[in-house]
Amino acid sequence: MSDTLVIMQFRLQKDKTAADWLQANQLVNDWITQQPGFRFRSLSETVDGVWFIVAYWASMEAAKAAEANFRKSMEGLIVPFVEMSGFTSSYSTAHLMQQGQDRG
């Protein structure tokens, strides 16, 4: 098995702010860290308001199981914040992960 990345892209609903989303997202963080096979995730926003979540999982099976669990227990949390019509999600297999050294 190899690590699996799940990449999600979305915009917030027009009446929601980044601060609103980040506060709600803390509950997602608390939930996801308890899921089997979870490695780590990053959350970022572009200057024009597109959000990306990149989550790393131990396997495709772990990623798919977490997605099914998320739909049952957490999806209602994000629906008020995310424009679901533009939400995309894709899975990919990680072939190489390289960690850099902070030279700063």
Protein backbone atom coordinates (compact mmCIF):
# COMPACT_ATOMS: atom_id res chain seq x y z
CA MET A 1 0.00 0.00 0.00
CA SER A 2 1.09 3.55 -0.56
CA ASP A 3 -0.06 6.83 0.89
CA THR A 4 -3.11 8.43 -0.64
CA LEU A 5 -3.77 12.13 -1.03
CA VAL A 6 -7.25 13.58 -1.08
CA ILE A 7 -7.37 17.04 -2.61
CA MET A 8 -10.50 19.13 -2.07
CA GLN A 9 -11.26 22.50 -3.63
CA PHE A 10 -14.14 24.81 -2.75
CA ARG A 11 -15.33 28.33 -2.06
CA LEU A 12 -17.13 29.56 1.02
CA GLN A 13 -20.74 30.64 0.90
CA LYS A 14 -20.97 34.37 0.19
CA ASP A 15 -22.15 35.23 3.72
CA LYS A 16 -19.29 33.32 5.45
CA THR A 17 -15.85 34.64 6.31
CA ALA A 18 -12.52 32.87 6.58
CA ALA A 19 -12.73 33.32 10.36
CA ASP A 20 -16.16 31.61 10.39
CA TRP A 21 -14.79 28.69 8.39
CA LEU A 22 -11.61 28.33 10.43
CA GLN A 23 -13.62 28.18 13.65
CA ALA A 24 -15.92 25.45 12.27
CA ASN A 25 -12.94 23.70 10.72
CA GLN A 26 -11.48 23.14 14.18
CA LEU A 27 -14.21 20.54 14.75
CA VAL A 28 -13.17 18.85 11.50
CA ASN A 29 -9.55 18.86 12.72
CA ASP A 30 -10.58 17.25 15.99
CA TRP A 31 -12.57 14.58 14.13
CA ILE A 32 -10.03 13.78 11.39
CA THR A 33 -7.12 13.20 13.76
CA GLN A 34 -9.10 10.32 15.28
CA GLN A 35 -9.61 8.52 11.95
CA PRO A 36 -7.62 5.33 11.27
CA GLY A 37 -4.90 5.85 8.69
CA PHE A 38 -4.87 9.65 8.92
CA ARG A 39 -1.40 11.12 8.40
CA PHE A 40 -1.83 14.91 8.12
CA ARG A 41 -3.70 17.64 6.28
CA SER A 42 -3.15 21.19 5.13
CA LEU A 43 -5.71 23.94 4.60
CA SER A 44 -4.99 26.93 2.41
CA GLU A 45 -6.79 29.79 0.67
CA THR A 46 -5.87 31.55 -2.55
CA VAL A 47 -6.01 35.34 -2.85
CA ASP A 48 -9.27 35.03 -4.81
CA GLY A 49 -11.04 32.91 -2.18
CA VAL A 50 -10.55 29.34 -3.39
CA TRP A 51 -9.82 26.94 -0.54
CA PHE A 52 -7.77 23.76 -0.79
CA ILE A 53 -7.54 20.90 1.66
CA VAL A 54 -4.88 18.29 1.04
CA ALA A 55 -5.20 15.26 3.33
CA TYR A 56 -2.68 12.42 3.47
CA TRP A 57 -3.85 8.92 4.37
CA ALA A 58 -2.04 5.63 4.90
CA SER A 59 -4.04 4.00 2.09
CA MET A 60 -6.88 4.48 -0.35
CA GLU A 61 -9.02 2.26 1.88
CA ALA A 62 -8.43 4.52 4.89
CA ALA A 63 -9.26 7.63 2.85
CA LYS A 64 -12.50 6.13 1.49
CA ALA A 65 -13.56 4.86 4.93
CA ALA A 66 -12.96 8.30 6.43
CA GLU A 67 -15.00 9.90 3.65
CA ALA A 68 -17.92 7.55 4.36
CA ASN A 69 -17.68 8.30 8.09
CA PHE A 70 -17.46 12.02 7.38
CA ARG A 71 -20.65 11.95 5.32
CA LYS A 72 -22.49 10.29 8.21
CA SER A 73 -21.18 12.38 11.07
CA MET A 74 -19.64 15.67 9.91
CA GLU A 75 -21.03 16.70 6.52
CA GLY A 76 -23.84 18.70 8.13
CA LEU A 77 -21.20 20.88 9.77
CA ILE A 78 -19.64 22.06 6.51
CA VAL A 79 -22.76 22.49 4.37
CA PRO A 80 -23.62 25.93 5.85
CA PHE A 81 -20.10 27.16 5.01
CA VAL A 82 -19.15 25.62 1.66
CA GLU A 83 -20.62 26.26 -1.79
CA MET A 84 -21.33 22.60 -2.43
CA SER A 85 -22.11 23.12 -6.12
CA GLY A 86 -18.46 23.98 -6.76
CA PHE A 87 -16.92 21.47 -4.35
CA THR A 88 -14.46 19.04 -5.95
CA SER A 89 -12.54 16.15 -4.47
CA SER A 90 -9.96 13.86 -6.04
CA TYR A 91 -7.81 10.96 -4.87
CA SER A 92 -4.25 10.25 -5.91
CA THR A 93 -1.48 7.90 -4.91
CA ALA A 94 1.64 9.44 -3.43
CA HIS A 95 4.77 8.18 -5.17
CA LEU A 96 7.23 10.45 -3.43
CA MET A 97 7.02 12.71 -0.43
CA GLN A 98 10.03 14.86 0.28
CA GLN A 99 10.54 16.89 3.42
CA GLY A 100 12.71 19.96 3.10
CA GLN A 101 15.05 21.47 5.61
CA ASP A 102 14.32 24.88 7.03
CA ARG A 103 17.28 27.00 6.03
CA GLY A 104 15.70 30.23 7.21
